[in-house]
Amino acid sequence: SSKLEKKLDDKVKKRMEELQQQGKTWIEVQFLLKALDTLCMSRETLMFTYIFAFYLKNNNQSVIFEENQKDLEMATETLSEHLERDMQSSAASFIELKQKVQDQLRYCQQRRSVLLGHVYEGYDKELWEYNEL
């Protein structure tokens, strides 16, 4: 997975350079790096929450948790698609690409925040019940 992230990192940086050569400023293309950072943070969060979910007893709180996790997973996949596929498409204008990527990265950040907030709330209110192994 780290190999794939390195590959995507290289792809994003190359695209940023191409856009700058086409007349875009350094500031105008920074959204791509922010999106890549958000993507990596979201994937890392998911990696740890899968483990957490494995140990949760099935109850209302775990169902809500898994729904939040699923929302983040879908948002992360969509952001990944925008960075991998849409970024290479010459048909998509720069403004359309920027808008799609920024909207999705904000949505990913929001879903990640909701998921982690639920985890913290569960600890604070002692809502989590764990399976015994």
N, C-alpha and C. Protein backbone atom coordinates (compact mmCIF):
# COMPACT_ATOMS: atom_id res chain seq x y z
N SER A 1 0.82 -1.19 0.00
CA SER A 1 0.00 0.00 0.00
C SER A 1 0.87 1.26 0.00
N SER A 2 1.99 1.22 0.71
CA SER A 2 2.86 2.39 0.71
C SER A 2 3.49 2.60 -0.67
N LYS A 3 3.67 1.50 -1.40
CA LYS A 3 4.18 1.62 -2.77
C LYS A 3 3.16 2.35 -3.65
N LEU A 4 1.88 2.01 -3.47
CA LEU A 4 0.83 2.66 -4.24
C LEU A 4 0.72 4.14 -3.89
N GLU A 5 0.86 4.45 -2.60
CA GLU A 5 0.79 5.84 -2.18
C GLU A 5 1.98 6.63 -2.73
N LYS A 6 3.14 6.02 -2.77
CA LYS A 6 4.32 6.68 -3.34
C LYS A 6 4.10 6.93 -4.82
N LYS A 7 3.53 5.94 -5.50
CA LYS A 7 3.24 6.08 -6.92
C LYS A 7 2.25 7.22 -7.17
N LEU A 8 1.20 7.27 -6.35
CA LEU A 8 0.21 8.33 -6.48
C LEU A 8 0.81 9.68 -6.14
N ASP A 9 1.66 9.71 -5.13
CA ASP A 9 2.35 10.94 -4.74
C ASP A 9 3.17 11.47 -5.92
N ASP A 10 3.91 10.57 -6.56
CA ASP A 10 4.70 10.96 -7.74
C ASP A 10 3.81 11.47 -8.87
N LYS A 11 2.69 10.80 -9.07
CA LYS A 11 1.75 11.19 -10.13
C LYS A 11 1.17 12.58 -9.87
N VAL A 12 0.81 12.83 -8.62
CA VAL A 12 0.22 14.13 -8.25
C VAL A 12 1.26 15.24 -8.44
N LYS A 13 2.47 15.00 -7.98
CA LYS A 13 3.52 16.03 -8.11
C LYS A 13 3.85 16.30 -9.58
N LYS A 14 3.83 15.25 -10.39
CA LYS A 14 4.07 15.42 -11.82
C LYS A 14 2.96 16.26 -12.45
N ARG A 15 1.72 15.97 -12.06
CA ARG A 15 0.57 16.72 -12.60
C ARG A 15 0.63 18.18 -12.16
N MET A 16 1.07 18.40 -10.93
CA MET A 16 1.22 19.78 -10.44
C MET A 16 2.24 20.54 -11.28
N GLU A 17 3.33 19.89 -11.61
CA GLU A 17 4.36 20.51 -12.45
C GLU A 17 3.81 20.81 -13.84
N GLU A 18 3.06 19.85 -14.40
CA GLU A 18 2.46 20.06 -15.73
C GLU A 18 1.52 21.25 -15.72
N LEU A 19 0.69 21.34 -14.68
CA LEU A 19 -0.25 22.46 -14.59
C LEU A 19 0.48 23.79 -14.45
N GLN A 20 1.58 23.79 -13.73
CA GLN A 20 2.36 25.02 -13.59
C GLN A 20 3.00 25.40 -14.92
N GLN A 21 3.41 24.42 -15.70
CA GLN A 21 3.97 24.71 -17.02
C GLN A 21 2.91 25.23 -17.98
N GLN A 22 1.65 24.91 -17.68
CA GLN A 22 0.54 25.40 -18.50
C GLN A 22 0.07 26.79 -18.05
N GLY A 23 0.76 27.37 -17.07
CA GLY A 23 0.43 28.72 -16.66
C GLY A 23 -0.25 28.85 -15.31
N LYS A 24 -0.52 27.75 -14.63
CA LYS A 24 -1.12 27.83 -13.30
C LYS A 24 -0.03 28.17 -12.28
N THR A 25 -0.41 28.90 -11.24
CA THR A 25 0.57 29.26 -10.22
C THR A 25 0.73 28.11 -9.23
N TRP A 26 1.82 28.21 -8.45
CA TRP A 26 2.09 27.20 -7.44
C TRP A 26 0.93 27.11 -6.45
N ILE A 27 0.40 28.26 -6.06
CA ILE A 27 -0.72 28.31 -5.12
C ILE A 27 -1.95 27.64 -5.71
N GLU A 28 -2.21 27.84 -6.98
CA GLU A 28 -3.42 27.29 -7.62
C GLU A 28 -3.44 25.77 -7.64
N VAL A 29 -2.28 25.14 -7.61
CA VAL A 29 -2.24 23.68 -7.69
C VAL A 29 -2.02 22.98 -6.35
N GLN A 30 -1.94 23.76 -5.27
CA GLN A 30 -1.71 23.18 -3.95
C GLN A 30 -2.87 22.31 -3.47
N PHE A 31 -4.05 22.51 -4.03
CA PHE A 31 -5.20 21.69 -3.63
C PHE A 31 -4.94 20.21 -3.89
N LEU A 32 -4.11 19.90 -4.87
CA LEU A 32 -3.80 18.50 -5.17
C LEU A 32 -3.00 17.86 -4.03
N LEU A 33 -2.05 18.60 -3.48
CA LEU A 33 -1.28 18.07 -2.34
C LEU A 33 -2.17 17.92 -1.11
N LYS A 34 -3.04 18.89 -0.90
CA LYS A 34 -3.95 18.81 0.25
C LYS A 34 -4.87 17.61 0.10
N ALA A 35 -5.33 17.36 -1.12
CA ALA A 35 -6.19 16.20 -1.37
C ALA A 35 -5.42 14.90 -1.13
N LEU A 36 -4.18 14.86 -1.54
CA LEU A 36 -3.36 13.67 -1.33
C LEU A 36 -3.14 13.43 0.16
N ASP A 37 -2.88 14.48 0.92
CA ASP A 37 -2.71 14.35 2.37
C ASP A 37 -4.00 13.83 3.01
N THR A 38 -5.13 14.39 2.59
CA THR A 38 -6.43 13.97 3.12
C THR A 38 -6.68 12.51 2.79
N LEU A 39 -6.35 12.11 1.57
CA LEU A 39 -6.53 10.72 1.16
C LEU A 39 -5.70 9.79 2.04
N CYS A 40 -4.45 10.13 2.26
CA CYS A 40 -3.57 9.29 3.08
C CYS A 40 -4.06 9.21 4.53
N MET A 41 -4.48 10.35 5.09
CA MET A 41 -5.00 10.36 6.46
C MET A 41 -6.27 9.53 6.56
N SER A 42 -7.13 9.63 5.57
CA SER A 42 -8.38 8.86 5.59
C SER A 42 -8.11 7.37 5.50
N ARG A 43 -7.18 6.99 4.64
CA ARG A 43 -6.83 5.57 4.53
C ARG A 43 -6.22 5.04 5.82
N GLU A 44 -5.39 5.85 6.44
CA GLU A 44 -4.78 5.42 7.70
C GLU A 44 -5.85 5.28 8.79
N THR A 45 -6.76 6.22 8.85
CA THR A 45 -7.86 6.14 9.81
C THR A 45 -8.67 4.87 9.59
N LEU A 46 -8.99 4.59 8.33
CA LEU A 46 -9.76 3.38 8.02
C LEU A 46 -9.00 2.12 8.44
N MET A 47 -7.71 2.13 8.21
CA MET A 47 -6.89 0.97 8.56
C MET A 47 -7.05 0.64 10.06
N PHE A 48 -7.00 1.66 10.89
CA PHE A 48 -7.12 1.43 12.33
C PHE A 48 -8.56 1.15 12.76
N THR A 49 -9.51 1.76 12.09
CA THR A 49 -10.90 1.53 12.51
C THR A 49 -11.39 0.14 12.11
N TYR A 50 -10.81 -0.46 11.09
CA TYR A 50 -11.18 -1.84 10.75
C TYR A 50 -10.82 -2.76 11.90
N ILE A 51 -9.67 -2.53 12.50
CA ILE A 51 -9.24 -3.34 13.64
C ILE A 51 -10.16 -3.10 14.83
N PHE A 52 -10.45 -1.84 15.08
CA PHE A 52 -11.35 -1.48 16.18
C PHE A 52 -12.71 -2.15 16.00
N ALA A 53 -13.25 -2.09 14.79
CA ALA A 53 -14.57 -2.67 14.51
C ALA A 53 -14.58 -4.18 14.71
N PHE A 54 -13.47 -4.83 14.43
CA PHE A 54 -13.37 -6.29 14.58
C PHE A 54 -13.66 -6.71 16.02
N TYR A 55 -13.23 -5.91 16.98
CA TYR A 55 -13.38 -6.27 18.39
C TYR A 55 -14.67 -5.78 19.02
N LEU A 56 -15.46 -4.98 18.28
CA LEU A 56 -16.70 -4.46 18.86
C LEU A 56 -17.80 -5.51 18.87
N LYS A 57 -18.57 -5.53 19.97
CA LYS A 57 -19.77 -6.36 20.00
C LYS A 57 -20.81 -5.72 19.11
N ASN A 58 -21.63 -6.54 18.51
CA ASN A 58 -22.67 -6.04 17.62
C ASN A 58 -23.81 -5.44 18.45
N ASN A 59 -23.96 -4.13 18.37
CA ASN A 59 -25.06 -3.43 19.04
C ASN A 59 -25.34 -2.15 18.25
N ASN A 60 -26.22 -1.32 18.75
CA ASN A 60 -26.59 -0.10 18.03
C ASN A 60 -25.38 0.80 17.77
N GLN A 61 -24.51 0.93 18.76
CA GLN A 61 -23.34 1.80 18.59
C GLN A 61 -22.39 1.25 17.52
N SER A 62 -22.21 -0.05 17.48
CA SER A 62 -21.32 -0.62 16.47
C SER A 62 -21.91 -0.47 15.07
N VAL A 63 -23.24 -0.54 14.97
CA VAL A 63 -23.90 -0.34 13.67
C VAL A 63 -23.69 1.09 13.19
N ILE A 64 -23.86 2.05 14.09
CA ILE A 64 -23.63 3.45 13.73
C ILE A 64 -22.16 3.65 13.34
N PHE A 65 -21.26 3.06 14.11
CA PHE A 65 -19.84 3.16 13.83
C PHE A 65 -19.53 2.61 12.43
N GLU A 66 -20.07 1.45 12.11
CA GLU A 66 -19.80 0.83 10.81
C GLU A 66 -20.39 1.63 9.66
N GLU A 67 -21.52 2.29 9.89
CA GLU A 67 -22.10 3.17 8.86
C GLU A 67 -21.20 4.38 8.63
N ASN A 68 -20.71 4.96 9.71
CA ASN A 68 -19.77 6.09 9.58
C ASN A 68 -18.49 5.65 8.87
N GLN A 69 -18.04 4.46 9.21
CA GLN A 69 -16.84 3.91 8.58
C GLN A 69 -17.08 3.70 7.08
N LYS A 70 -18.25 3.18 6.74
CA LYS A 70 -18.60 2.95 5.34
C LYS A 70 -18.67 4.28 4.57
N ASP A 71 -19.22 5.31 5.19
CA ASP A 71 -19.28 6.63 4.56
C ASP A 71 -17.89 7.16 4.26
N LEU A 72 -16.97 7.01 5.23
CA LEU A 72 -15.60 7.47 5.01
C LEU A 72 -14.94 6.64 3.92
N GLU A 73 -15.19 5.36 3.92
CA GLU A 73 -14.61 4.47 2.90
C GLU A 73 -15.05 4.90 1.50
N MET A 74 -16.33 5.17 1.33
CA MET A 74 -16.85 5.59 0.02
C MET A 74 -16.29 6.95 -0.39
N ALA A 75 -16.22 7.88 0.55
CA ALA A 75 -15.68 9.21 0.27
C ALA A 75 -14.20 9.12 -0.11
N THR A 76 -13.48 8.25 0.57
CA THR A 76 -12.06 8.06 0.28
C THR A 76 -11.86 7.47 -1.11
N GLU A 77 -12.67 6.50 -1.46
CA GLU A 77 -12.59 5.91 -2.80
C GLU A 77 -12.87 6.94 -3.88
N THR A 78 -13.88 7.77 -3.66
CA THR A 78 -14.22 8.80 -4.64
C THR A 78 -13.08 9.79 -4.80
N LEU A 79 -12.49 10.21 -3.69
CA LEU A 79 -11.35 11.14 -3.76
C LEU A 79 -10.18 10.49 -4.50
N SER A 80 -9.95 9.23 -4.22
CA SER A 80 -8.88 8.49 -4.91
C SER A 80 -9.12 8.46 -6.41
N GLU A 81 -10.37 8.22 -6.80
CA GLU A 81 -10.71 8.20 -8.23
C GLU A 81 -10.45 9.55 -8.87
N HIS A 82 -10.82 10.62 -8.19
CA HIS A 82 -10.58 11.96 -8.72
C HIS A 82 -9.08 12.20 -8.93
N LEU A 83 -8.27 11.74 -7.98
CA LEU A 83 -6.83 11.97 -8.07
C LEU A 83 -6.17 11.06 -9.11
N GLU A 84 -6.67 9.85 -9.24
CA GLU A 84 -6.02 8.91 -10.16
C GLU A 84 -6.55 8.99 -11.58
N ARG A 85 -7.85 9.08 -11.72
CA ARG A 85 -8.46 9.01 -13.05
C ARG A 85 -8.72 10.41 -13.61
N ASP A 86 -9.48 11.20 -12.87
CA ASP A 86 -9.91 12.51 -13.38
C ASP A 86 -8.75 13.46 -13.59
N MET A 87 -7.71 13.31 -12.78
CA MET A 87 -6.57 14.20 -12.89
C MET A 87 -5.86 14.02 -14.23
N GLN A 88 -5.91 12.83 -14.78
CA GLN A 88 -5.23 12.55 -16.04
C GLN A 88 -6.08 12.89 -17.26
N SER A 89 -7.36 13.06 -17.03
CA SER A 89 -8.28 13.33 -18.13
C SER A 89 -8.07 14.74 -18.66
N SER A 90 -7.79 14.85 -19.93
CA SER A 90 -7.60 16.17 -20.53
C SER A 90 -8.95 16.83 -20.80
N ALA A 91 -10.02 16.02 -20.79
CA ALA A 91 -11.35 16.56 -21.06
C ALA A 91 -11.84 17.43 -19.90
N ALA A 92 -11.44 17.05 -18.69
CA ALA A 92 -11.89 17.82 -17.53
C ALA A 92 -11.09 19.11 -17.44
N SER A 93 -11.80 20.21 -17.35
CA SER A 93 -11.11 21.49 -17.22
C SER A 93 -10.50 21.60 -15.84
N PHE A 94 -9.52 22.46 -15.74
CA PHE A 94 -8.84 22.66 -14.47
C PHE A 94 -9.82 23.10 -13.39
N ILE A 95 -10.72 24.00 -13.71
CA ILE A 95 -11.68 24.52 -12.74
C ILE A 95 -12.61 23.40 -12.26
N GLU A 96 -13.09 22.56 -13.18
CA GLU A 96 -13.95 21.44 -12.81
C GLU A 96 -13.21 20.46 -11.90
N LEU A 97 -11.97 20.14 -12.28
CA LEU A 97 -11.16 19.22 -11.49
C LEU A 97 -10.94 19.78 -10.09
N LYS A 98 -10.56 21.05 -10.03
CA LYS A 98 -10.29 21.67 -8.73
C LYS A 98 -11.53 21.65 -7.85
N GLN A 99 -12.68 21.97 -8.43
CA GLN A 99 -13.93 22.00 -7.67
C GLN A 99 -14.29 20.61 -7.16
N LYS A 100 -14.20 19.60 -8.03
CA LYS A 100 -14.54 18.23 -7.63
C LYS A 100 -13.61 17.74 -6.52
N VAL A 101 -12.32 17.97 -6.70
CA VAL A 101 -11.34 17.48 -5.73
C VAL A 101 -11.51 18.20 -4.39
N GLN A 102 -11.68 19.51 -4.42
CA GLN A 102 -11.84 20.25 -3.17
C GLN A 102 -13.13 19.87 -2.44
N ASP A 103 -14.21 19.71 -3.19
CA ASP A 103 -15.47 19.28 -2.56
C ASP A 103 -15.30 17.92 -1.90
N GLN A 104 -14.67 17.00 -2.60
CA GLN A 104 -14.52 15.65 -2.07
C GLN A 104 -13.54 15.61 -0.91
N LEU A 105 -12.48 16.40 -0.96
CA LEU A 105 -11.54 16.38 0.16
C LEU A 105 -12.19 16.95 1.41
N ARG A 106 -13.02 17.98 1.26
CA ARG A 106 -13.75 18.50 2.42
C ARG A 106 -14.73 17.47 2.97
N TYR A 107 -15.39 16.75 2.07
CA TYR A 107 -16.32 15.71 2.51
C TYR A 107 -15.57 14.60 3.25
N CYS A 108 -14.41 14.20 2.75
CA CYS A 108 -13.60 13.18 3.42
C CYS A 108 -13.18 13.66 4.80
N GLN A 109 -12.74 14.91 4.89
CA GLN A 109 -12.34 15.45 6.18
C GLN A 109 -13.52 15.43 7.16
N GLN A 110 -14.69 15.80 6.67
CA GLN A 110 -15.88 15.82 7.51
C GLN A 110 -16.24 14.41 7.98
N ARG A 111 -16.24 13.43 7.06
CA ARG A 111 -16.60 12.06 7.43
C ARG A 111 -15.57 11.47 8.40
N ARG A 112 -14.31 11.79 8.21
CA ARG A 112 -13.25 11.31 9.11
C ARG A 112 -13.47 11.90 10.50
N SER A 113 -13.79 13.18 10.55
CA SER A 113 -14.05 13.85 11.82
C SER A 113 -15.25 13.24 12.54
N VAL A 114 -16.30 12.93 11.80
CA VAL A 114 -17.49 12.31 12.39
C VAL A 114 -17.15 10.92 12.94
N LEU A 115 -16.42 10.15 12.18
CA LEU A 115 -16.05 8.79 12.62
C LEU A 115 -15.20 8.84 13.89
N LEU A 116 -14.18 9.67 13.88
CA LEU A 116 -13.31 9.77 15.05
C LEU A 116 -14.05 10.37 16.24
N GLY A 117 -14.93 11.32 15.98
CA GLY A 117 -15.75 11.90 17.04
C GLY A 117 -16.62 10.86 17.71
N HIS A 118 -17.15 9.95 16.91
CA HIS A 118 -17.97 8.88 17.46
C HIS A 118 -17.13 7.94 18.33
N VAL A 119 -15.92 7.66 17.91
CA VAL A 119 -15.02 6.81 18.71
C VAL A 119 -14.76 7.47 20.06
N TYR A 120 -14.39 8.75 20.03
CA TYR A 120 -14.10 9.47 21.28
C TYR A 120 -15.34 9.55 22.18
N GLU A 121 -16.48 9.81 21.57
CA GLU A 121 -17.73 9.87 22.33
C GLU A 121 -18.02 8.52 23.00
N GLY A 122 -17.77 7.45 22.26
CA GLY A 122 -17.99 6.11 22.80
C GLY A 122 -17.10 5.83 23.99
N TYR A 123 -15.84 6.29 23.93
CA TYR A 123 -14.94 6.13 25.08
C TYR A 123 -15.40 6.98 26.25
N ASP A 124 -15.73 8.24 25.98
CA ASP A 124 -16.15 9.15 27.06
C ASP A 124 -17.40 8.66 27.77
N LYS A 125 -18.35 8.14 27.02
CA LYS A 125 -19.64 7.72 27.60
C LYS A 125 -19.69 6.23 27.88
N GLU A 126 -18.57 5.56 27.66
CA GLU A 126 -18.46 4.11 27.89
C GLU A 126 -19.53 3.33 27.13
N LEU A 127 -19.66 3.67 25.85
CA LEU A 127 -20.66 3.01 24.99
C LEU A 127 -20.13 1.75 24.32
N TRP A 128 -18.81 1.63 24.23
CA TRP A 128 -18.24 0.51 23.49
C TRP A 128 -18.24 -0.76 24.33
N GLU A 129 -18.69 -1.82 23.68
CA GLU A 129 -18.62 -3.15 24.29
C GLU A 129 -17.78 -4.01 23.36
N TYR A 130 -16.88 -4.79 23.94
CA TYR A 130 -15.93 -5.55 23.14
C TYR A 130 -16.17 -7.04 23.24
N ASN A 131 -15.87 -7.73 22.15
CA ASN A 131 -15.93 -9.19 22.12
C ASN A 131 -14.76 -9.74 22.91
N GLU A 132 -15.00 -10.82 23.59
CA GLU A 132 -13.90 -11.49 24.28
C GLU A 132 -13.33 -12.55 23.36
N LEU A 133 -12.04 -12.65 23.36
CA LEU A 133 -11.39 -13.62 22.48
C LEU A 133 -11.04 -14.88 23.21
